[in-house]
mmCIF file of all heavy atoms, coordinates in Angstrom:
data_MODEL
# 
_entry.id   MODEL 
# 
loop_
_atom_site.group_PDB 
_atom_site.id 
_atom_site.type_symbol 
_atom_site.label_atom_id 
_atom_site.label_alt_id 
_atom_site.label_comp_id 
_atom_site.label_asym_id 
_atom_site.label_entity_id 
_atom_site.label_seq_id 
_atom_site.pdbx_PDB_ins_code 
_atom_site.Cartn_x 
_atom_site.Cartn_y 
_atom_site.Cartn_z 
_atom_site.occupancy 
_atom_site.B_iso_or_equiv 
_atom_site.pdbx_formal_charge 
_atom_site.auth_seq_id 
_atom_site.auth_comp_id 
_atom_site.auth_asym_id 
_atom_site.auth_atom_id 
_atom_site.pdbx_PDB_model_num 
ATOM 1   N N   . LEU A 1 1  ? 90.561  165.926 100.498 1.00 0.00 ? 1  LEU A N   1 
ATOM 2   C CA  . LEU A 1 1  ? 90.207  164.568 100.089 1.00 0.00 ? 1  LEU A CA  1 
ATOM 3   C C   . LEU A 1 1  ? 88.929  164.568 99.256  1.00 0.00 ? 1  LEU A C   1 
ATOM 4   O O   . LEU A 1 1  ? 87.989  165.309 99.533  1.00 0.00 ? 1  LEU A O   1 
ATOM 5   C CB  . LEU A 1 1  ? 90.006  163.711 101.345 1.00 0.00 ? 1  LEU A CB  1 
ATOM 6   C CG  . LEU A 1 1  ? 89.697  162.223 101.137 1.00 0.00 ? 1  LEU A CG  1 
ATOM 7   C CD1 . LEU A 1 1  ? 90.894  161.507 100.541 1.00 0.00 ? 1  LEU A CD1 1 
ATOM 8   C CD2 . LEU A 1 1  ? 89.304  161.591 102.483 1.00 0.00 ? 1  LEU A CD2 1 
ATOM 9   N N   . MET A 1 2  ? 88.915  163.731 98.197  1.00 0.00 ? 2  MET A N   1 
ATOM 10  C CA  . MET A 1 2  ? 87.728  163.537 97.379  1.00 0.00 ? 2  MET A CA  1 
ATOM 11  C C   . MET A 1 2  ? 87.277  162.094 97.476  1.00 0.00 ? 2  MET A C   1 
ATOM 12  O O   . MET A 1 2  ? 88.089  161.183 97.635  1.00 0.00 ? 2  MET A O   1 
ATOM 13  C CB  . MET A 1 2  ? 88.026  163.868 95.899  1.00 0.00 ? 2  MET A CB  1 
ATOM 14  C CG  . MET A 1 2  ? 88.279  165.319 95.593  1.00 0.00 ? 2  MET A CG  1 
ATOM 15  S SD  . MET A 1 2  ? 88.378  165.620 93.806  1.00 0.00 ? 2  MET A SD  1 
ATOM 16  C CE  . MET A 1 2  ? 86.628  165.565 93.346  1.00 0.00 ? 2  MET A CE  1 
ATOM 17  N N   . ASP A 1 3  ? 85.987  161.880 97.359  1.00 0.00 ? 3  ASP A N   1 
ATOM 18  C CA  . ASP A 1 3  ? 85.458  160.523 97.331  1.00 0.00 ? 3  ASP A CA  1 
ATOM 19  C C   . ASP A 1 3  ? 85.798  159.884 95.980  1.00 0.00 ? 3  ASP A C   1 
ATOM 20  O O   . ASP A 1 3  ? 85.861  160.562 94.950  1.00 0.00 ? 3  ASP A O   1 
ATOM 21  C CB  . ASP A 1 3  ? 83.931  160.535 97.511  1.00 0.00 ? 3  ASP A CB  1 
ATOM 22  C CG  . ASP A 1 3  ? 83.519  160.953 98.899  1.00 0.00 ? 3  ASP A CG  1 
ATOM 23  O OD1 . ASP A 1 3  ? 84.309  160.760 99.845  1.00 0.00 ? 3  ASP A OD1 1 
ATOM 24  O OD2 . ASP A 1 3  ? 82.398  161.499 99.031  1.00 0.00 ? 3  ASP A OD2 1 
ATOM 25  N N   . TYR A 1 4  ? 86.004  158.576 95.984  1.00 0.00 ? 4  TYR A N   1 
ATOM 26  C CA  . TYR A 1 4  ? 86.147  157.846 94.727  1.00 0.00 ? 4  TYR A CA  1 
ATOM 27  C C   . TYR A 1 4  ? 84.846  157.950 93.932  1.00 0.00 ? 4  TYR A C   1 
ATOM 28  O O   . TYR A 1 4  ? 83.761  157.955 94.508  1.00 0.00 ? 4  TYR A O   1 
ATOM 29  C CB  . TYR A 1 4  ? 86.432  156.370 94.979  1.00 0.00 ? 4  TYR A CB  1 
ATOM 30  C CG  . TYR A 1 4  ? 87.761  156.068 95.618  1.00 0.00 ? 4  TYR A CG  1 
ATOM 31  C CD1 . TYR A 1 4  ? 87.838  155.280 96.757  1.00 0.00 ? 4  TYR A CD1 1 
ATOM 32  C CD2 . TYR A 1 4  ? 88.969  156.533 95.070  1.00 0.00 ? 4  TYR A CD2 1 
ATOM 33  C CE1 . TYR A 1 4  ? 89.052  154.965 97.343  1.00 0.00 ? 4  TYR A CE1 1 
ATOM 34  C CE2 . TYR A 1 4  ? 90.190  156.223 95.648  1.00 0.00 ? 4  TYR A CE2 1 
ATOM 35  C CZ  . TYR A 1 4  ? 90.232  155.444 96.795  1.00 0.00 ? 4  TYR A CZ  1 
ATOM 36  O OH  . TYR A 1 4  ? 91.429  155.138 97.366  1.00 0.00 ? 4  TYR A OH  1 
ATOM 37  N N   . TYR A 1 5  ? 84.972  158.015 92.607  1.00 0.00 ? 5  TYR A N   1 
ATOM 38  C CA  . TYR A 1 5  ? 83.779  157.983 91.770  1.00 0.00 ? 5  TYR A CA  1 
ATOM 39  C C   . TYR A 1 5  ? 83.645  156.594 91.162  1.00 0.00 ? 5  TYR A C   1 
ATOM 40  O O   . TYR A 1 5  ? 84.566  156.110 90.483  1.00 0.00 ? 5  TYR A O   1 
ATOM 41  C CB  . TYR A 1 5  ? 83.836  159.021 90.630  1.00 0.00 ? 5  TYR A CB  1 
ATOM 42  C CG  . TYR A 1 5  ? 82.585  158.988 89.787  1.00 0.00 ? 5  TYR A CG  1 
ATOM 43  C CD1 . TYR A 1 5  ? 81.431  159.630 90.204  1.00 0.00 ? 5  TYR A CD1 1 
ATOM 44  C CD2 . TYR A 1 5  ? 82.538  158.267 88.590  1.00 0.00 ? 5  TYR A CD2 1 
ATOM 45  C CE1 . TYR A 1 5  ? 80.266  159.572 89.459  1.00 0.00 ? 5  TYR A CE1 1 
ATOM 46  C CE2 . TYR A 1 5  ? 81.370  158.196 87.841  1.00 0.00 ? 5  TYR A CE2 1 
ATOM 47  C CZ  . TYR A 1 5  ? 80.236  158.851 88.275  1.00 0.00 ? 5  TYR A CZ  1 
ATOM 48  O OH  . TYR A 1 5  ? 79.079  158.765 87.546  1.00 0.00 ? 5  TYR A OH  1 
ATOM 49  N N   . LYS A 1 6  ? 82.502  155.961 91.409  1.00 0.00 ? 6  LYS A N   1 
ATOM 50  C CA  . LYS A 1 6  ? 82.251  154.629 90.871  1.00 0.00 ? 6  LYS A CA  1 
ATOM 51  C C   . LYS A 1 6  ? 81.610  154.768 89.492  1.00 0.00 ? 6  LYS A C   1 
ATOM 52  O O   . LYS A 1 6  ? 80.432  155.073 89.363  1.00 0.00 ? 6  LYS A O   1 
ATOM 53  C CB  . LYS A 1 6  ? 81.331  153.836 91.817  1.00 0.00 ? 6  LYS A CB  1 
ATOM 54  C CG  . LYS A 1 6  ? 81.978  153.585 93.185  1.00 0.00 ? 6  LYS A CG  1 
ATOM 55  C CD  . LYS A 1 6  ? 81.035  152.874 94.140  1.00 0.00 ? 6  LYS A CD  1 
ATOM 56  C CE  . LYS A 1 6  ? 81.706  152.653 95.486  1.00 0.00 ? 6  LYS A CE  1 
ATOM 57  N NZ  . LYS A 1 6  ? 80.812  151.996 96.470  1.00 0.00 ? 6  LYS A NZ  1 
ATOM 58  N N   . ILE A 1 7  ? 82.398  154.542 88.461  1.00 0.00 ? 7  ILE A N   1 
ATOM 59  C CA  . ILE A 1 7  ? 81.968  154.776 87.092  1.00 0.00 ? 7  ILE A CA  1 
ATOM 60  C C   . ILE A 1 7  ? 80.972  153.719 86.599  1.00 0.00 ? 7  ILE A C   1 
ATOM 61  O O   . ILE A 1 7  ? 80.254  153.936 85.635  1.00 0.00 ? 7  ILE A O   1 
ATOM 62  C CB  . ILE A 1 7  ? 83.198  154.849 86.157  1.00 0.00 ? 7  ILE A CB  1 
ATOM 63  C CG1 . ILE A 1 7  ? 82.839  155.494 84.821  1.00 0.00 ? 7  ILE A CG1 1 
ATOM 64  C CG2 . ILE A 1 7  ? 83.857  153.498 85.990  1.00 0.00 ? 7  ILE A CG2 1 
ATOM 65  C CD1 . ILE A 1 7  ? 84.050  155.844 83.990  1.00 0.00 ? 7  ILE A CD1 1 
ATOM 66  N N   . ARG A 1 8  ? 80.954  152.565 87.236  1.00 0.00 ? 8  ARG A N   1 
ATOM 67  C CA  . ARG A 1 8  ? 79.963  151.518 87.032  1.00 0.00 ? 8  ARG A CA  1 
ATOM 68  C C   . ARG A 1 8  ? 79.828  151.087 85.580  1.00 0.00 ? 8  ARG A C   1 
ATOM 69  O O   . ARG A 1 8  ? 80.793  150.628 84.958  1.00 0.00 ? 8  ARG A O   1 
ATOM 70  C CB  . ARG A 1 8  ? 78.637  151.974 87.651  1.00 0.00 ? 8  ARG A CB  1 
ATOM 71  C CG  . ARG A 1 8  ? 78.744  152.177 89.160  1.00 0.00 ? 8  ARG A CG  1 
ATOM 72  C CD  . ARG A 1 8  ? 77.633  152.938 89.804  1.00 0.00 ? 8  ARG A CD  1 
ATOM 73  N NE  . ARG A 1 8  ? 76.329  152.285 89.666  1.00 0.00 ? 8  ARG A NE  1 
ATOM 74  C CZ  . ARG A 1 8  ? 75.220  152.793 90.188  1.00 0.00 ? 8  ARG A CZ  1 
ATOM 75  N NH1 . ARG A 1 8  ? 75.259  153.904 90.878  1.00 0.00 ? 8  ARG A NH1 1 
ATOM 76  N NH2 . ARG A 1 8  ? 74.074  152.145 90.022  1.00 0.00 ? 8  ARG A NH2 1 
ATOM 77  N N   . GLY A 1 9  ? 78.644  151.250 84.957  1.00 0.00 ? 9  GLY A N   1 
ATOM 78  C CA  . GLY A 1 9  ? 78.439  150.726 83.620  1.00 0.00 ? 9  GLY A CA  1 
ATOM 79  C C   . GLY A 1 9  ? 79.267  151.403 82.544  1.00 0.00 ? 9  GLY A C   1 
ATOM 80  O O   . GLY A 1 9  ? 79.429  150.848 81.450  1.00 0.00 ? 9  GLY A O   1 
ATOM 81  N N   . MET A 1 10 ? 79.800  152.567 82.820  1.00 0.00 ? 10 MET A N   1 
ATOM 82  C CA  . MET A 1 10 ? 80.657  153.257 81.852  1.00 0.00 ? 10 MET A CA  1 
ATOM 83  C C   . MET A 1 10 ? 82.110  152.800 81.964  1.00 0.00 ? 10 MET A C   1 
ATOM 84  O O   . MET A 1 10 ? 83.020  153.441 81.413  1.00 0.00 ? 10 MET A O   1 
ATOM 85  C CB  . MET A 1 10 ? 80.573  154.764 82.049  1.00 0.00 ? 10 MET A CB  1 
ATOM 86  C CG  . MET A 1 10 ? 79.247  155.366 81.622  1.00 0.00 ? 10 MET A CG  1 
ATOM 87  S SD  . MET A 1 10 ? 78.900  155.210 79.854  1.00 0.00 ? 10 MET A SD  1 
ATOM 88  C CE  . MET A 1 10 ? 80.125  156.303 79.191  1.00 0.00 ? 10 MET A CE  1 
ATOM 89  N N   . ALA A 1 11 ? 82.333  151.697 82.636  1.00 0.00 ? 11 ALA A N   1 
ATOM 90  C CA  . ALA A 1 11 ? 83.682  151.193 82.909  1.00 0.00 ? 11 ALA A CA  1 
ATOM 91  C C   . ALA A 1 11 ? 84.608  151.157 81.694  1.00 0.00 ? 11 ALA A C   1 
ATOM 92  O O   . ALA A 1 11 ? 85.778  151.543 81.805  1.00 0.00 ? 11 ALA A O   1 
ATOM 93  C CB  . ALA A 1 11 ? 83.599  149.803 83.546  1.00 0.00 ? 11 ALA A CB  1 
ATOM 94  N N   . PRO A 1 12 ? 84.166  150.722 80.504  1.00 0.00 ? 12 PRO A N   1 
ATOM 95  C CA  . PRO A 1 12 ? 85.089  150.653 79.351  1.00 0.00 ? 12 PRO A CA  1 
ATOM 96  C C   . PRO A 1 12 ? 85.682  152.009 78.955  1.00 0.00 ? 12 PRO A C   1 
ATOM 97  O O   . PRO A 1 12 ? 86.675  152.056 78.223  1.00 0.00 ? 12 PRO A O   1 
ATOM 98  C CB  . PRO A 1 12 ? 84.231  150.071 78.246  1.00 0.00 ? 12 PRO A CB  1 
ATOM 99  C CG  . PRO A 1 12 ? 83.173  149.303 78.944  1.00 0.00 ? 12 PRO A CG  1 
ATOM 100 C CD  . PRO A 1 12 ? 82.864  150.124 80.162  1.00 0.00 ? 12 PRO A CD  1 
ATOM 101 N N   . ALA A 1 13 ? 85.074  153.096 79.423  1.00 0.00 ? 13 ALA A N   1 
ATOM 102 C CA  . ALA A 1 13 ? 85.573  154.438 79.090  1.00 0.00 ? 13 ALA A CA  1 
ATOM 103 C C   . ALA A 1 13 ? 86.582  154.938 80.096  1.00 0.00 ? 13 ALA A C   1 
ATOM 104 O O   . ALA A 1 13 ? 87.288  155.914 79.820  1.00 0.00 ? 13 ALA A O   1 
ATOM 105 C CB  . ALA A 1 13 ? 84.412  155.426 79.005  1.00 0.00 ? 13 ALA A CB  1 
ATOM 106 N N   . GLY A 1 14 ? 86.689  154.280 81.293  1.00 0.00 ? 14 GLY A N   1 
ATOM 107 C CA  . GLY A 1 14 ? 87.650  154.852 82.244  1.00 0.00 ? 14 GLY A CA  1 
ATOM 108 C C   . GLY A 1 14 ? 87.710  154.275 83.629  1.00 0.00 ? 14 GLY A C   1 
ATOM 109 O O   . GLY A 1 14 ? 87.898  155.016 84.600  1.00 0.00 ? 14 GLY A O   1 
ATOM 110 N N   . SER A 1 15 ? 87.600  152.963 83.794  1.00 0.00 ? 15 SER A N   1 
ATOM 111 C CA  . SER A 1 15 ? 87.490  152.416 85.159  1.00 0.00 ? 15 SER A CA  1 
ATOM 112 C C   . SER A 1 15 ? 88.758  151.755 85.698  1.00 0.00 ? 15 SER A C   1 
ATOM 113 O O   . SER A 1 15 ? 88.801  151.345 86.858  1.00 0.00 ? 15 SER A O   1 
ATOM 114 C CB  . SER A 1 15 ? 86.367  151.378 85.212  1.00 0.00 ? 15 SER A CB  1 
ATOM 115 O OG  . SER A 1 15 ? 86.761  150.193 84.546  1.00 0.00 ? 15 SER A OG  1 
ATOM 116 N N   . ILE A 1 16 ? 89.816  151.621 84.900  1.00 0.00 ? 16 ILE A N   1 
ATOM 117 C CA  . ILE A 1 16 ? 90.992  150.849 85.329  1.00 0.00 ? 16 ILE A CA  1 
ATOM 118 C C   . ILE A 1 16 ? 91.766  151.567 86.432  1.00 0.00 ? 16 ILE A C   1 
ATOM 119 O O   . ILE A 1 16 ? 91.933  152.790 86.401  1.00 0.00 ? 16 ILE A O   1 
ATOM 120 C CB  . ILE A 1 16 ? 91.912  150.527 84.142  1.00 0.00 ? 16 ILE A CB  1 
ATOM 121 C CG1 . ILE A 1 16 ? 91.234  149.515 83.216  1.00 0.00 ? 16 ILE A CG1 1 
ATOM 122 C CG2 . ILE A 1 16 ? 93.264  149.976 84.603  1.00 0.00 ? 16 ILE A CG2 1 
ATOM 123 C CD1 . ILE A 1 16 ? 92.025  149.194 81.953  1.00 0.00 ? 16 ILE A CD1 1 
ATOM 124 N N   . ASN A 1 17 ? 92.226  150.790 87.405  1.00 0.00 ? 17 ASN A N   1 
ATOM 125 C CA  . ASN A 1 17 ? 93.137  151.261 88.449  1.00 0.00 ? 17 ASN A CA  1 
ATOM 126 C C   . ASN A 1 17 ? 94.429  150.458 88.332  1.00 0.00 ? 17 ASN A C   1 
ATOM 127 O O   . ASN A 1 17 ? 94.394  149.237 88.215  1.00 0.00 ? 17 ASN A O   1 
ATOM 128 C CB  . ASN A 1 17 ? 92.522  151.054 89.833  1.00 0.00 ? 17 ASN A CB  1 
ATOM 129 C CG  . ASN A 1 17 ? 91.130  151.650 89.937  1.00 0.00 ? 17 ASN A CG  1 
ATOM 130 O OD1 . ASN A 1 17 ? 90.960  152.856 89.865  1.00 0.00 ? 17 ASN A OD1 1 
ATOM 131 N ND2 . ASN A 1 17 ? 90.119  150.796 90.089  1.00 0.00 ? 17 ASN A ND2 1 
ATOM 132 N N   . SER A 1 18 ? 95.566  151.151 88.359  1.00 0.00 ? 18 SER A N   1 
ATOM 133 C CA  . SER A 1 18 ? 96.835  150.445 88.168  1.00 0.00 ? 18 SER A CA  1 
ATOM 134 C C   . SER A 1 18 ? 97.972  151.207 88.805  1.00 0.00 ? 18 SER A C   1 
ATOM 135 O O   . SER A 1 18 ? 97.786  152.313 89.326  1.00 0.00 ? 18 SER A O   1 
ATOM 136 C CB  . SER A 1 18 ? 97.090  150.247 86.665  1.00 0.00 ? 18 SER A CB  1 
ATOM 137 O OG  . SER A 1 18 ? 98.194  149.395 86.431  1.00 0.00 ? 18 SER A OG  1 
ATOM 138 N N   . SER A 1 19 ? 99.139  150.615 88.751  1.00 0.00 ? 19 SER A N   1 
ATOM 139 C CA  . SER A 1 19 ? 100.368 151.260 89.240  1.00 0.00 ? 19 SER A CA  1 
ATOM 140 C C   . SER A 1 19 ? 101.251 151.592 88.041  1.00 0.00 ? 19 SER A C   1 
ATOM 141 O O   . SER A 1 19 ? 101.082 151.029 86.959  1.00 0.00 ? 19 SER A O   1 
ATOM 142 C CB  . SER A 1 19 ? 101.111 150.305 90.185  1.00 0.00 ? 19 SER A CB  1 
ATOM 143 O OG  . SER A 1 19 ? 101.605 149.184 89.453  1.00 0.00 ? 19 SER A OG  1 
ATOM 144 N N   . VAL A 1 20 ? 102.223 152.470 88.254  1.00 0.00 ? 20 VAL A N   1 
ATOM 145 C CA  . VAL A 1 20 ? 103.119 152.795 87.142  1.00 0.00 ? 20 VAL A CA  1 
ATOM 146 C C   . VAL A 1 20 ? 103.982 151.600 86.754  1.00 0.00 ? 20 VAL A C   1 
ATOM 147 O O   . VAL A 1 20 ? 104.333 151.434 85.582  1.00 0.00 ? 20 VAL A O   1 
ATOM 148 C CB  . VAL A 1 20 ? 104.000 154.027 87.454  1.00 0.00 ? 20 VAL A CB  1 
ATOM 149 C CG1 . VAL A 1 20 ? 103.138 155.266 87.605  1.00 0.00 ? 20 VAL A CG1 1 
ATOM 150 C CG2 . VAL A 1 20 ? 104.873 153.815 88.677  1.00 0.00 ? 20 VAL A CG2 1 
ATOM 151 N N   . ASN A 1 21 ? 104.307 150.748 87.718  1.00 0.00 ? 21 ASN A N   1 
ATOM 152 C CA  . ASN A 1 21 ? 105.097 149.565 87.385  1.00 0.00 ? 21 ASN A CA  1 
ATOM 153 C C   . ASN A 1 21 ? 104.346 148.619 86.471  1.00 0.00 ? 21 ASN A C   1 
ATOM 154 O O   . ASN A 1 21 ? 104.913 148.030 85.544  1.00 0.00 ? 21 ASN A O   1 
ATOM 155 C CB  . ASN A 1 21 ? 105.517 148.836 88.669  1.00 0.00 ? 21 ASN A CB  1 
ATOM 156 C CG  . ASN A 1 21 ? 106.972 149.111 89.035  1.00 0.00 ? 21 ASN A CG  1 
ATOM 157 O OD1 . ASN A 1 21 ? 107.717 149.712 88.269  1.00 0.00 ? 21 ASN A OD1 1 
ATOM 158 N ND2 . ASN A 1 21 ? 107.376 148.667 90.220  1.00 0.00 ? 21 ASN A ND2 1 
ATOM 159 N N   . GLU A 1 22 ? 103.040 148.449 86.715  1.00 0.00 ? 22 GLU A N   1 
ATOM 160 C CA  . GLU A 1 22 ? 102.265 147.542 85.864  1.00 0.00 ? 22 GLU A CA  1 
ATOM 161 C C   . GLU A 1 22 ? 101.882 148.222 84.547  1.00 0.00 ? 22 GLU A C   1 
ATOM 162 O O   . GLU A 1 22 ? 101.861 147.562 83.495  1.00 0.00 ? 22 GLU A O   1 
ATOM 163 C CB  . GLU A 1 22 ? 101.032 147.049 86.615  1.00 0.00 ? 22 GLU A CB  1 
ATOM 164 C CG  . GLU A 1 22 ? 101.408 146.142 87.787  1.00 0.00 ? 22 GLU A CG  1 
ATOM 165 C CD  . GLU A 1 22 ? 100.267 145.307 88.308  1.00 0.00 ? 22 GLU A CD  1 
ATOM 166 O OE1 . GLU A 1 22 ? 99.112  145.518 87.884  1.00 0.00 ? 22 GLU A OE1 1 
ATOM 167 O OE2 . GLU A 1 22 ? 100.524 144.403 89.133  1.00 0.00 ? 22 GLU A OE2 1 
ATOM 168 N N   . MET A 1 23 ? 101.601 149.506 84.575  1.00 0.00 ? 23 MET A N   1 
ATOM 169 C CA  . MET A 1 23 ? 101.324 150.221 83.331  1.00 0.00 ? 23 MET A CA  1 
ATOM 170 C C   . MET A 1 23 ? 102.558 150.279 82.434  1.00 0.00 ? 23 MET A C   1 
ATOM 171 O O   . MET A 1 23 ? 102.438 150.377 81.203  1.00 0.00 ? 23 MET A O   1 
ATOM 172 C CB  . MET A 1 23 ? 100.836 151.632 83.634  1.00 0.00 ? 23 MET A CB  1 
ATOM 173 C CG  . MET A 1 23 ? 99.398  151.701 84.151  1.00 0.00 ? 23 MET A CG  1 
ATOM 174 S SD  . MET A 1 23 ? 98.175  151.158 82.901  1.00 0.00 ? 23 MET A SD  1 
ATOM 175 C CE  . MET A 1 23 ? 98.261  152.522 81.737  1.00 0.00 ? 23 MET A CE  1 
ATOM 176 N N   . ALA A 1 24 ? 103.742 150.179 83.028  1.00 0.00 ? 24 ALA A N   1 
ATOM 177 C CA  . ALA A 1 24 ? 104.973 150.152 82.237  1.00 0.00 ? 24 ALA A CA  1 
ATOM 178 C C   . ALA A 1 24 ? 104.996 148.945 81.315  1.00 0.00 ? 24 ALA A C   1 
ATOM 179 O O   . ALA A 1 24 ? 105.478 149.016 80.175  1.00 0.00 ? 24 ALA A O   1 
ATOM 180 C CB  . ALA A 1 24 ? 106.184 150.136 83.167  1.00 0.00 ? 24 ALA A CB  1 
ATOM 181 N N   . ASN A 1 25 ? 104.435 147.828 81.767  1.00 0.00 ? 25 ASN A N   1 
ATOM 182 C CA  . ASN A 1 25 ? 104.367 146.635 80.913  1.00 0.00 ? 25 ASN A CA  1 
ATOM 183 C C   . ASN A 1 25 ? 103.461 146.854 79.717  1.00 0.00 ? 25 ASN A C   1 
ATOM 184 O O   . ASN A 1 25 ? 103.729 146.379 78.598  1.00 0.00 ? 25 ASN A O   1 
ATOM 185 C CB  . ASN A 1 25 ? 103.877 145.433 81.726  1.00 0.00 ? 25 ASN A CB  1 
ATOM 186 C CG  . ASN A 1 25 ? 104.873 145.008 82.799  1.00 0.00 ? 25 ASN A CG  1 
ATOM 187 O OD1 . ASN A 1 25 ? 106.024 145.435 82.785  1.00 0.00 ? 25 ASN A OD1 1 
ATOM 188 N ND2 . ASN A 1 25 ? 104.445 144.169 83.714  1.00 0.00 ? 25 ASN A ND2 1 
ATOM 189 N N   . TRP A 1 26 ? 102.378 147.561 79.936  1.00 0.00 ? 26 TRP A N   1 
ATOM 190 C CA  . TRP A 1 26 ? 101.459 147.943 78.860  1.00 0.00 ? 26 TRP A CA  1 
ATOM 191 C C   . TRP A 1 26 ? 102.194 148.788 77.818  1.00 0.00 ? 26 TRP A C   1 
ATOM 192 O O   . TRP A 1 26 ? 102.083 148.565 76.614  1.00 0.00 ? 26 TRP A O   1 
ATOM 193 C CB  . TRP A 1 26 ? 100.294 148.702 79.471  1.00 0.00 ? 26 TRP A CB  1 
ATOM 194 C CG  . TRP A 1 26 ? 99.256  149.307 78.582  1.00 0.00 ? 26 TRP A CG  1 
ATOM 195 C CD1 . TRP A 1 26 ? 98.942  150.635 78.486  1.00 0.00 ? 26 TRP A CD1 1 
ATOM 196 C CD2 . TRP A 1 26 ? 98.324  148.640 77.705  1.00 0.00 ? 26 TRP A CD2 1 
ATOM 197 N NE1 . TRP A 1 26 ? 97.912  150.842 77.598  1.00 0.00 ? 26 TRP A NE1 1 
ATOM 198 C CE2 . TRP A 1 26 ? 97.495  149.636 77.108  1.00 0.00 ? 26 TRP A CE2 1 
ATOM 199 C CE3 . TRP A 1 26 ? 98.109  147.304 77.363  1.00 0.00 ? 26 TRP A CE3 1 
ATOM 200 C CZ2 . TRP A 1 26 ? 96.485  149.328 76.201  1.00 0.00 ? 26 TRP A CZ2 1 
ATOM 201 C CZ3 . TRP A 1 26 ? 97.094  146.993 76.461  1.00 0.00 ? 26 TRP A CZ3 1 
ATOM 202 C CH2 . TRP A 1 26 ? 96.310  148.002 75.885  1.00 0.00 ? 26 TRP A CH2 1 
ATOM 203 N N   . LEU A 1 27 ? 102.993 149.744 78.286  1.00 0.00 ? 27 LEU A N   1 
ATOM 204 C CA  . LEU A 1 27 ? 103.761 150.579 77.370  1.00 0.00 ? 27 LEU A CA  1 
ATOM 205 C C   . LEU A 1 27 ? 104.819 149.781 76.613  1.00 0.00 ? 27 LEU A C   1 
ATOM 206 O O   . LEU A 1 27 ? 105.038 149.996 75.421  1.00 0.00 ? 27 LEU A O   1 
ATOM 207 C CB  . LEU A 1 27 ? 104.446 151.714 78.147  1.00 0.00 ? 27 LEU A CB  1 
ATOM 208 C CG  . LEU A 1 27 ? 103.588 152.949 78.457  1.00 0.00 ? 27 LEU A CG  1 
ATOM 209 C CD1 . LEU A 1 27 ? 104.396 153.943 79.269  1.00 0.00 ? 27 LEU A CD1 1 
ATOM 210 C CD2 . LEU A 1 27 ? 103.065 153.579 77.182  1.00 0.00 ? 27 LEU A CD2 1 
ATOM 211 N N   . ILE A 1 28 ? 105.481 148.877 77.301  1.00 0.00 ? 28 ILE A N   1 
ATOM 212 C CA  . ILE A 1 28 ? 106.510 148.047 76.657  1.00 0.00 ? 28 ILE A CA  1 
ATOM 213 C C   . ILE A 1 28 ? 105.895 147.281 75.479  1.00 0.00 ? 28 ILE A C   1 
ATOM 214 O O   . ILE A 1 28 ? 106.508 147.159 74.414  1.00 0.00 ? 28 ILE A O   1 
ATOM 215 C CB  . ILE A 1 28 ? 107.151 147.098 77.676  1.00 0.00 ? 28 ILE A CB  1 
ATOM 216 C CG1 . ILE A 1 28 ? 108.073 147.893 78.611  1.00 0.00 ? 28 ILE A CG1 1 
ATOM 217 C CG2 . ILE A 1 28 ? 107.931 145.980 76.974  1.00 0.00 ? 28 ILE A CG2 1 
ATOM 218 C CD1 . ILE A 1 28 ? 108.610 147.093 79.789  1.00 0.00 ? 28 ILE A CD1 1 
# 
């Protein structure tokens, strides 16, 4: 197990959490 990393102010570079079902809409 690894701890979550809180990216904080660098959020625009990599902070999103999602599911494949919702990311599928992004791809569509």
